Amino acid sequence: MSEVEDYDDCFPPQALPIGTHKAGEKPQDGLQYLSIVHSEAARIPDVISADRRLFAPETGDMALRDHTMSSRDHTTALSFPSSLINEQVRKFSELRQYCSRMQSLLPNKLQGDHAMLNISKKTFDEEPCLSLVLSLSQVSVMELLDYIQELCLSTEQKSRVPGSIGCWVFSLLCVVDKPVPMDYMAIIRSVGRRCACLSSELFNTLSSENLQTSSEHPNFQFLVLFILVCHYFEQFDLLQEFGVKV
């Protein structure tokens, strides 16, 4: 027996009758509606590619990216030091493992949408509380990240970036469960784009030789966050968006 026949045999026999209908006509009863569903299902391919438009940057992010690219020196290929990437990914992975162990020991967890937080932009001037971050549900983590990328990571001149916003983003990313659903990953990618724009002035100057000096720059934290989004969460195409070698 062929593999195709084996595959077909794994489905149960038809349990309900299927009516007939003409193309373009509205179903008149349940049987005709079932016939429409059956015919549409038969046209679905076995393999479906994800719609990459879900990950496309928003208009504002595209403008920021274009501004970043236009201000860059294109005479040399841009790349980040591998030592920086490896060190930051390793440390981040170790912290995620620690957070996972702590979450399993935490007695009081905020489940689902019950984690009601009184959040404002001033909240992110103070460093996050570890017990709070570990107690957040995945829904709450993503709501916070979405709030942060929209209101706190703006590169507009009149917009103030809260003092501890980098700590908040780093802490929230530490408790994001993998694998990450597509809608959640879209939020993480938006955070990465914002961080790339905020740290864009470091793109041309960063090298292995001046790594210590660059790490003292106030926006170096956003460069690290961009690297983590790209390399730990495997969103390598974001590097190409900003002209960085993978």
C-alpha atoms as a PDB file:
ATOM      1  CA  MET A   1       0.000   0.000   0.000  1.00  0.00           C
ATOM      2  CA  SER A   2       1.403   3.456  -0.951  1.00  0.00           C
ATOM      3  CA  GLU A   3       2.056   6.304   1.496  1.00  0.00           C
ATOM      4  CA  VAL A   4      -0.828   8.274  -0.018  1.00  0.00           C
ATOM      5  CA  GLU A   5      -3.231   5.400   0.586  1.00  0.00           C
ATOM      6  CA  ASP A   6      -1.970   5.009   4.137  1.00  0.00           C
ATOM      7  CA  TYR A   7      -2.506   8.724   4.713  1.00  0.00           C
ATOM      8  CA  ASP A   8      -6.046   8.615   3.350  1.00  0.00           C
ATOM      9  CA  ASP A   9      -6.896   5.600   5.498  1.00  0.00           C
ATOM     10  CA  CYS A  10      -6.183   7.545   8.690  1.00  0.00           C
ATOM     11  CA  PHE A  11      -9.369   9.602   8.210  1.00  0.00           C
ATOM     12  CA  PRO A  12     -12.679   8.211   9.542  1.00  0.00           C
ATOM     13  CA  PRO A  13     -15.459   7.420   7.066  1.00  0.00           C
ATOM     14  CA  GLN A  14     -17.995  10.140   6.230  1.00  0.00           C
ATOM     15  CA  ALA A  15     -20.556  10.396   9.051  1.00  0.00           C
ATOM     16  CA  LEU A  16     -23.034  12.926   7.597  1.00  0.00           C
ATOM     17  CA  PRO A  17     -24.667  13.181   4.179  1.00  0.00           C
ATOM     18  CA  ILE A  18     -23.504  16.039   1.971  1.00  0.00           C
ATOM     19  CA  GLY A  19     -25.987  17.954  -0.152  1.00  0.00           C
ATOM     20  CA  THR A  20     -25.419  19.435  -3.572  1.00  0.00           C
ATOM     21  CA  HIS A  21     -25.396  23.081  -4.630  1.00  0.00           C
ATOM     22  CA  LYS A  22     -24.539  25.153  -7.655  1.00  0.00           C
ATOM     23  CA  ALA A  23     -21.552  27.468  -7.588  1.00  0.00           C
ATOM     24  CA  GLY A  24     -22.494  31.028  -6.614  1.00  0.00           C
ATOM     25  CA  GLU A  25     -25.837  30.104  -5.052  1.00  0.00           C
ATOM     26  CA  LYS A  26     -26.558  30.639  -1.379  1.00  0.00           C
ATOM     27  CA  PRO A  27     -27.142  27.430   0.583  1.00  0.00           C
ATOM     28  CA  GLN A  28     -30.819  26.730   1.234  1.00  0.00           C
ATOM     29  CA  ASP A  29     -30.345  24.209   4.025  1.00  0.00           C
ATOM     30  CA  GLY A  30     -27.742  22.608   6.249  1.00  0.00           C
ATOM     31  CA  LEU A  31     -26.830  19.920   3.745  1.00  0.00           C
ATOM     32  CA  GLN A  32     -26.023  22.438   1.025  1.00  0.00           C
ATOM     33  CA  TYR A  33     -23.973  24.488   3.475  1.00  0.00           C
ATOM     34  CA  LEU A  34     -22.066  21.329   4.435  1.00  0.00           C
ATOM     35  CA  SER A  35     -21.414  20.738   0.747  1.00  0.00           C
ATOM     36  CA  ILE A  36     -19.877  24.228   0.428  1.00  0.00           C
ATOM     37  CA  VAL A  37     -17.644  23.622   3.429  1.00  0.00           C
ATOM     38  CA  HIS A  38     -16.562  20.249   2.018  1.00  0.00           C
ATOM     39  CA  SER A  39     -15.705  21.677  -1.404  1.00  0.00           C
ATOM     40  CA  GLU A  40     -13.768  24.619   0.117  1.00  0.00           C
ATOM     41  CA  ALA A  41     -11.822  22.263   2.370  1.00  0.00           C
ATOM     42  CA  ALA A  42     -10.854  20.145  -0.617  1.00  0.00           C
ATOM     43  CA  ARG A  43      -9.194  23.183  -2.225  1.00  0.00           C
ATOM     44  CA  ILE A  44      -6.983  23.981   0.792  1.00  0.00           C
ATOM     45  CA  PRO A  45      -3.360  22.985   0.057  1.00  0.00           C
ATOM     46  CA  ASP A  46      -1.546  20.570   2.356  1.00  0.00           C
ATOM     47  CA  VAL A  47       1.160  23.155   3.084  1.00  0.00           C
ATOM     48  CA  ILE A  48       0.300  26.800   3.782  1.00  0.00           C
ATOM     49  CA  SER A  49       2.912  29.544   4.050  1.00  0.00           C
ATOM     50  CA  ALA A  50       2.570  32.104   6.829  1.00  0.00           C
ATOM     51  CA  ASP A  51       1.425  35.547   5.730  1.00  0.00           C
ATOM     52  CA  ARG A  52       4.560  37.654   6.176  1.00  0.00           C
ATOM     53  CA  ARG A  53       2.410  40.794   6.177  1.00  0.00           C
ATOM     54  CA  LEU A  54       1.702  40.018   9.827  1.00  0.00           C
ATOM     55  CA  PHE A  55       5.325  40.892  10.500  1.00  0.00           C
ATOM     56  CA  ALA A  56       5.538  43.917   8.223  1.00  0.00           C
ATOM     57  CA  PRO A  57       6.589  47.142   9.943  1.00  0.00           C
ATOM     58  CA  GLU A  58       3.937  49.786  10.538  1.00  0.00           C
ATOM     59  CA  THR A  59       4.103  53.017   8.543  1.00  0.00           C
ATOM     60  CA  GLY A  60       5.726  54.929  11.394  1.00  0.00           C
ATOM     61  CA  ASP A  61       8.327  52.224  11.901  1.00  0.00           C
ATOM     62  CA  MET A  62       9.121  52.212   8.187  1.00  0.00           C
ATOM     63  CA  ALA A  63       9.749  55.963   8.270  1.00  0.00           C
ATOM     64  CA  LEU A  64      12.044  55.562  11.275  1.00  0.00           C
ATOM     65  CA  ARG A  65      13.891  52.718   9.583  1.00  0.00           C
ATOM     66  CA  ASP A  66      14.328  54.723   6.378  1.00  0.00           C
ATOM     67  CA  HIS A  67      15.679  57.662   8.373  1.00  0.00           C
ATOM     68  CA  THR A  68      18.112  55.348  10.143  1.00  0.00           C
ATOM     69  CA  MET A  69      19.272  53.853   6.850  1.00  0.00           C
ATOM     70  CA  SER A  70      19.677  57.253   5.165  1.00  0.00           C
ATOM     71  CA  SER A  71      21.925  58.519   7.972  1.00  0.00           C
ATOM     72  CA  ARG A  72      24.228  55.483   7.816  1.00  0.00           C
ATOM     73  CA  ASP A  73      27.584  55.200   6.142  1.00  0.00           C
ATOM     74  CA  HIS A  74      27.099  52.705   3.311  1.00  0.00           C
ATOM     75  CA  THR A  75      30.743  52.583   2.243  1.00  0.00           C
ATOM     76  CA  THR A  76      31.392  49.565   4.469  1.00  0.00           C
ATOM     77  CA  ALA A  77      29.266  46.570   5.360  1.00  0.00           C
ATOM     78  CA  LEU A  78      27.717  46.954   8.795  1.00  0.00           C
ATOM     79  CA  SER A  79      27.959  44.126  11.300  1.00  0.00           C
ATOM     80  CA  PHE A  80      27.880  43.720  15.066  1.00  0.00           C
ATOM     81  CA  PRO A  81      30.850  42.159  16.913  1.00  0.00           C
ATOM     82  CA  SER A  82      30.274  38.424  17.327  1.00  0.00           C
ATOM     83  CA  SER A  83      31.687  38.609  20.859  1.00  0.00           C
ATOM     84  CA  LEU A  84      28.937  41.054  21.818  1.00  0.00           C
ATOM     85  CA  ILE A  85      26.216  38.913  20.258  1.00  0.00           C
ATOM     86  CA  ASN A  86      27.415  35.672  21.851  1.00  0.00           C
ATOM     87  CA  GLU A  87      27.859  37.203  25.299  1.00  0.00           C
ATOM     88  CA  GLN A  88      24.482  38.934  25.377  1.00  0.00           C
ATOM     89  CA  VAL A  89      22.573  35.906  24.058  1.00  0.00           C
ATOM     90  CA  ARG A  90      24.313  33.627  26.574  1.00  0.00           C
ATOM     91  CA  LYS A  91      23.549  35.898  29.530  1.00  0.00           C
ATOM     92  CA  PHE A  92      19.972  36.374  28.387  1.00  0.00           C
ATOM     93  CA  SER A  93      19.460  32.621  28.017  1.00  0.00           C
ATOM     94  CA  GLU A  94      20.818  32.011  31.535  1.00  0.00           C
ATOM     95  CA  LEU A  95      18.507  34.661  32.997  1.00  0.00           C
ATOM     96  CA  ARG A  96      15.513  33.126  31.225  1.00  0.00           C
ATOM     97  CA  GLN A  97      16.353  29.757  32.749  1.00  0.00           C
ATOM     98  CA  TYR A  98      16.590  31.362  36.189  1.00  0.00           C
ATOM     99  CA  CYS A  99      13.223  33.107  35.698  1.00  0.00           C
ATOM    100  CA  SER A 100      11.660  29.819  34.630  1.00  0.00           C
ATOM    101  CA  ARG A 101      12.853  28.130  37.815  1.00  0.00           C
ATOM    102  CA  MET A 102      11.602  31.012  39.948  1.00  0.00           C
ATOM    103  CA  GLN A 103       8.195  30.972  38.262  1.00  0.00           C
ATOM    104  CA  SER A 104       7.762  27.312  39.182  1.00  0.00           C
ATOM    105  CA  LEU A 105       8.376  28.204  42.834  1.00  0.00           C
ATOM    106  CA  LEU A 106       6.215  31.321  42.936  1.00  0.00           C
ATOM    107  CA  PRO A 107       3.137  30.555  45.075  1.00  0.00           C
ATOM    108  CA  ASN A 108       0.850  33.375  43.900  1.00  0.00           C
ATOM    109  CA  LYS A 109       0.548  33.789  40.162  1.00  0.00           C
ATOM    110  CA  LEU A 110      -1.656  36.265  38.332  1.00  0.00           C
ATOM    111  CA  GLN A 111      -3.652  34.168  35.900  1.00  0.00           C
ATOM    112  CA  GLY A 112      -5.000  35.250  32.516  1.00  0.00           C
ATOM    113  CA  ASP A 113      -6.570  38.700  32.401  1.00  0.00           C
ATOM    114  CA  HIS A 114      -6.748  39.015  36.196  1.00  0.00           C
ATOM    115  CA  ALA A 115      -3.386  40.783  36.297  1.00  0.00           C
ATOM    116  CA  MET A 116      -4.792  44.298  36.433  1.00  0.00           C
ATOM    117  CA  LEU A 117      -1.970  46.845  36.505  1.00  0.00           C
ATOM    118  CA  ASN A 118      -2.180  50.591  36.964  1.00  0.00           C
ATOM    119  CA  ILE A 119       0.322  51.517  34.291  1.00  0.00           C
ATOM    120  CA  SER A 120       1.362  54.942  33.102  1.00  0.00           C
ATOM    121  CA  LYS A 121       4.491  56.262  31.444  1.00  0.00           C
ATOM    122  CA  LYS A 122       5.881  57.239  34.859  1.00  0.00           C
ATOM    123  CA  THR A 123       5.714  53.588  35.906  1.00  0.00           C
ATOM    124  CA  PHE A 124       8.724  52.873  33.706  1.00  0.00           C
ATOM    125  CA  ASP A 125      10.919  55.431  35.455  1.00  0.00           C
ATOM    126  CA  GLU A 126      11.298  52.877  38.259  1.00  0.00           C
ATOM    127  CA  GLU A 127      12.932  49.485  37.795  1.00  0.00           C
ATOM    128  CA  PRO A 128      10.483  46.545  37.586  1.00  0.00           C
ATOM    129  CA  CYS A 129       9.804  44.364  40.588  1.00  0.00           C
ATOM    130  CA  LEU A 130      10.986  40.790  39.980  1.00  0.00           C
ATOM    131  CA  SER A 131       8.033  39.195  41.799  1.00  0.00           C
ATOM    132  CA  LEU A 132       5.595  41.184  39.648  1.00  0.00           C
ATOM    133  CA  VAL A 133       7.272  40.277  36.364  1.00  0.00           C
ATOM    134  CA  LEU A 134       7.383  36.591  37.307  1.00  0.00           C
ATOM    135  CA  SER A 135       3.680  36.678  38.216  1.00  0.00           C
ATOM    136  CA  LEU A 136       2.464  38.085  34.905  1.00  0.00           C
ATOM    137  CA  SER A 137       0.517  35.941  32.475  1.00  0.00           C
ATOM    138  CA  GLN A 138       1.634  35.849  28.848  1.00  0.00           C
ATOM    139  CA  VAL A 139      -1.337  38.040  27.930  1.00  0.00           C
ATOM    140  CA  SER A 140      -0.232  40.700  30.430  1.00  0.00           C
ATOM    141  CA  VAL A 141       3.407  40.487  29.317  1.00  0.00           C
ATOM    142  CA  MET A 142       2.432  41.170  25.713  1.00  0.00           C
ATOM    143  CA  GLU A 143       0.019  43.950  26.649  1.00  0.00           C
ATOM    144  CA  LEU A 144       2.842  45.670  28.514  1.00  0.00           C
ATOM    145  CA  LEU A 145       5.298  45.211  25.635  1.00  0.00           C
ATOM    146  CA  ASP A 146       2.722  46.589  23.206  1.00  0.00           C
ATOM    147  CA  TYR A 147       2.099  49.587  25.471  1.00  0.00           C
ATOM    148  CA  ILE A 148       5.836  50.186  25.770  1.00  0.00           C
ATOM    149  CA  GLN A 149       6.572  50.048  22.048  1.00  0.00           C
ATOM    150  CA  GLU A 150       3.713  52.421  21.212  1.00  0.00           C
ATOM    151  CA  LEU A 151       4.081  55.029  23.959  1.00  0.00           C
ATOM    152  CA  CYS A 152       7.487  54.704  25.615  1.00  0.00           C
ATOM    153  CA  LEU A 153       9.948  53.944  22.811  1.00  0.00           C
ATOM    154  CA  SER A 154       9.048  56.754  20.476  1.00  0.00           C
ATOM    155  CA  THR A 155      11.983  58.458  18.758  1.00  0.00           C
ATOM    156  CA  GLU A 156      10.121  61.752  18.389  1.00  0.00           C
ATOM    157  CA  GLN A 157      12.081  64.679  19.830  1.00  0.00           C
ATOM    158  CA  LYS A 158       9.271  65.777  22.143  1.00  0.00           C
ATOM    159  CA  SER A 159       8.699  62.273  23.457  1.00  0.00           C
ATOM    160  CA  ARG A 160      10.469  61.390  26.699  1.00  0.00           C
ATOM    161  CA  VAL A 161      11.867  57.867  27.008  1.00  0.00           C
ATOM    162  CA  PRO A 162      11.349  56.679  30.618  1.00  0.00           C
ATOM    163  CA  GLY A 163      14.543  56.134  32.593  1.00  0.00           C
ATOM    164  CA  SER A 164      14.130  52.417  33.296  1.00  0.00           C
ATOM    165  CA  ILE A 165      12.327  51.397  30.129  1.00  0.00           C
ATOM    166  CA  GLY A 166      15.250  49.236  28.968  1.00  0.00           C
ATOM    167  CA  CYS A 167      15.092  47.234  32.218  1.00  0.00           C
ATOM    168  CA  TRP A 168      11.360  46.707  31.737  1.00  0.00           C
ATOM    169  CA  VAL A 169      11.719  45.456  28.174  1.00  0.00           C
ATOM    170  CA  PHE A 170      14.582  43.146  29.114  1.00  0.00           C
ATOM    171  CA  SER A 171      12.663  41.745  32.109  1.00  0.00           C
ATOM    172  CA  LEU A 172       9.487  41.143  30.104  1.00  0.00           C
ATOM    173  CA  LEU A 173      11.387  39.403  27.307  1.00  0.00           C
ATOM    174  CA  CYS A 174      12.909  37.120  29.960  1.00  0.00           C
ATOM    175  CA  VAL A 175       9.468  35.671  30.740  1.00  0.00           C
ATOM    176  CA  VAL A 176       8.114  35.322  27.188  1.00  0.00           C
ATOM    177  CA  ASP A 177       7.284  31.674  26.562  1.00  0.00           C
ATOM    178  CA  LYS A 178       8.687  29.944  23.483  1.00  0.00           C
ATOM    179  CA  PRO A 179       7.551  29.085  20.904  1.00  0.00           C
ATOM    180  CA  VAL A 180       6.071  32.551  20.459  1.00  0.00           C
ATOM    181  CA  PRO A 181       2.697  32.822  18.647  1.00  0.00           C
ATOM    182  CA  MET A 182       2.713  34.941  15.484  1.00  0.00           C
ATOM    183  CA  ASP A 183       0.640  37.798  16.946  1.00  0.00           C
ATOM    184  CA  TYR A 184       2.933  37.990  19.989  1.00  0.00           C
ATOM    185  CA  MET A 185       6.023  37.862  17.790  1.00  0.00           C
ATOM    186  CA  ALA A 186       4.702  40.832  15.811  1.00  0.00           C
ATOM    187  CA  ILE A 187       4.753  42.868  19.048  1.00  0.00           C
ATOM    188  CA  ILE A 188       8.291  41.724  19.870  1.00  0.00           C
ATOM    189  CA  ARG A 189       9.419  42.683  16.374  1.00  0.00           C
ATOM    190  CA  SER A 190       7.913  46.161  16.799  1.00  0.00           C
ATOM    191  CA  VAL A 191       9.848  46.517  20.054  1.00  0.00           C
ATOM    192  CA  GLY A 192      13.008  45.458  18.198  1.00  0.00           C
ATOM    193  CA  ARG A 193      12.472  48.054  15.476  1.00  0.00           C
ATOM    194  CA  ARG A 194      11.965  50.812  18.029  1.00  0.00           C
ATOM    195  CA  CYS A 195      15.124  49.785  19.869  1.00  0.00           C
ATOM    196  CA  ALA A 196      17.072  49.747  16.603  1.00  0.00           C
ATOM    197  CA  CYS A 197      15.982  53.296  15.823  1.00  0.00           C
ATOM    198  CA  LEU A 198      16.878  54.549  19.310  1.00  0.00           C
ATOM    199  CA  SER A 199      20.360  53.021  19.079  1.00  0.00           C
ATOM    200  CA  SER A 200      21.003  53.800  15.405  1.00  0.00           C
ATOM    201  CA  GLU A 201      23.810  56.276  16.154  1.00  0.00           C
ATOM    202  CA  LEU A 202      25.866  53.368  17.497  1.00  0.00           C
ATOM    203  CA  PHE A 203      25.528  51.313  14.307  1.00  0.00           C
ATOM    204  CA  ASN A 204      28.427  53.007  12.491  1.00  0.00           C
ATOM    205  CA  THR A 205      30.787  53.314  15.446  1.00  0.00           C
ATOM    206  CA  LEU A 206      30.397  49.926  17.149  1.00  0.00           C
ATOM    207  CA  SER A 207      33.381  47.585  16.827  1.00  0.00           C
ATOM    208  CA  SER A 208      35.294  45.050  18.893  1.00  0.00           C
ATOM    209  CA  GLU A 209      37.975  47.654  19.615  1.00  0.00           C
ATOM    210  CA  ASN A 210      35.640  50.300  21.105  1.00  0.00           C
ATOM    211  CA  LEU A 211      33.092  47.947  22.654  1.00  0.00           C
ATOM    212  CA  GLN A 212      33.869  49.125  26.184  1.00  0.00           C
ATOM    213  CA  THR A 213      33.426  52.781  25.228  1.00  0.00           C
ATOM    214  CA  SER A 214      30.200  52.091  23.309  1.00  0.00           C
ATOM    215  CA  SER A 215      28.734  50.166  26.253  1.00  0.00           C
ATOM    216  CA  GLU A 216      28.803  53.390  28.279  1.00  0.00           C
ATOM    217  CA  HIS A 217      26.497  55.140  25.799  1.00  0.00           C
ATOM    218  CA  PRO A 218      22.988  55.684  27.266  1.00  0.00           C
ATOM    219  CA  ASN A 219      21.352  54.048  24.231  1.00  0.00           C
ATOM    220  CA  PHE A 220      23.603  50.974  24.244  1.00  0.00           C
ATOM    221  CA  GLN A 221      20.857  49.149  26.182  1.00  0.00           C
ATOM    222  CA  PHE A 222      18.536  49.487  23.186  1.00  0.00           C
ATOM    223  CA  LEU A 223      21.183  48.062  20.876  1.00  0.00           C
ATOM    224  CA  VAL A 224      21.432  45.018  23.151  1.00  0.00           C
ATOM    225  CA  LEU A 225      17.656  44.599  23.101  1.00  0.00           C
ATOM    226  CA  PHE A 226      17.654  44.790  19.291  1.00  0.00           C
ATOM    227  CA  ILE A 227      20.356  42.108  19.157  1.00  0.00           C
ATOM    228  CA  LEU A 228      18.348  39.842  21.483  1.00  0.00           C
ATOM    229  CA  VAL A 229      15.164  40.218  19.432  1.00  0.00           C
ATOM    230  CA  CYS A 230      17.081  39.345  16.253  1.00  0.00           C
ATOM    231  CA  HIS A 231      19.369  36.591  17.515  1.00  0.00           C
ATOM    232  CA  TYR A 232      17.644  34.960  20.479  1.00  0.00           C
ATOM    233  CA  PHE A 233      14.134  35.133  19.026  1.00  0.00           C
ATOM    234  CA  GLU A 234      15.563  34.396  15.561  1.00  0.00           C
ATOM    235  CA  GLN A 235      14.153  37.422  13.730  1.00  0.00           C
ATOM    236  CA  PHE A 236      17.200  37.724  11.507  1.00  0.00           C
ATOM    237  CA  ASP A 237      15.388  39.570   8.734  1.00  0.00           C
ATOM    238  CA  LEU A 238      15.156  42.608  11.046  1.00  0.00           C
ATOM    239  CA  LEU A 239      18.927  42.899  10.803  1.00  0.00           C
ATOM    240  CA  GLN A 240      18.622  43.124   7.032  1.00  0.00           C
ATOM    241  CA  GLU A 241      15.891  45.754   7.373  1.00  0.00           C
ATOM    242  CA  PHE A 242      18.430  48.005   9.073  1.00  0.00           C
ATOM    243  CA  GLY A 243      21.311  47.091   6.775  1.00  0.00           C
ATOM    244  CA  VAL A 244      23.120  44.827   9.244  1.00  0.00           C
ATOM    245  CA  LYS A 245      24.839  41.634   8.097  1.00  0.00           C
ATOM    246  CA  VAL A 246      23.319  38.444   9.492  1.00  0.00           C
END
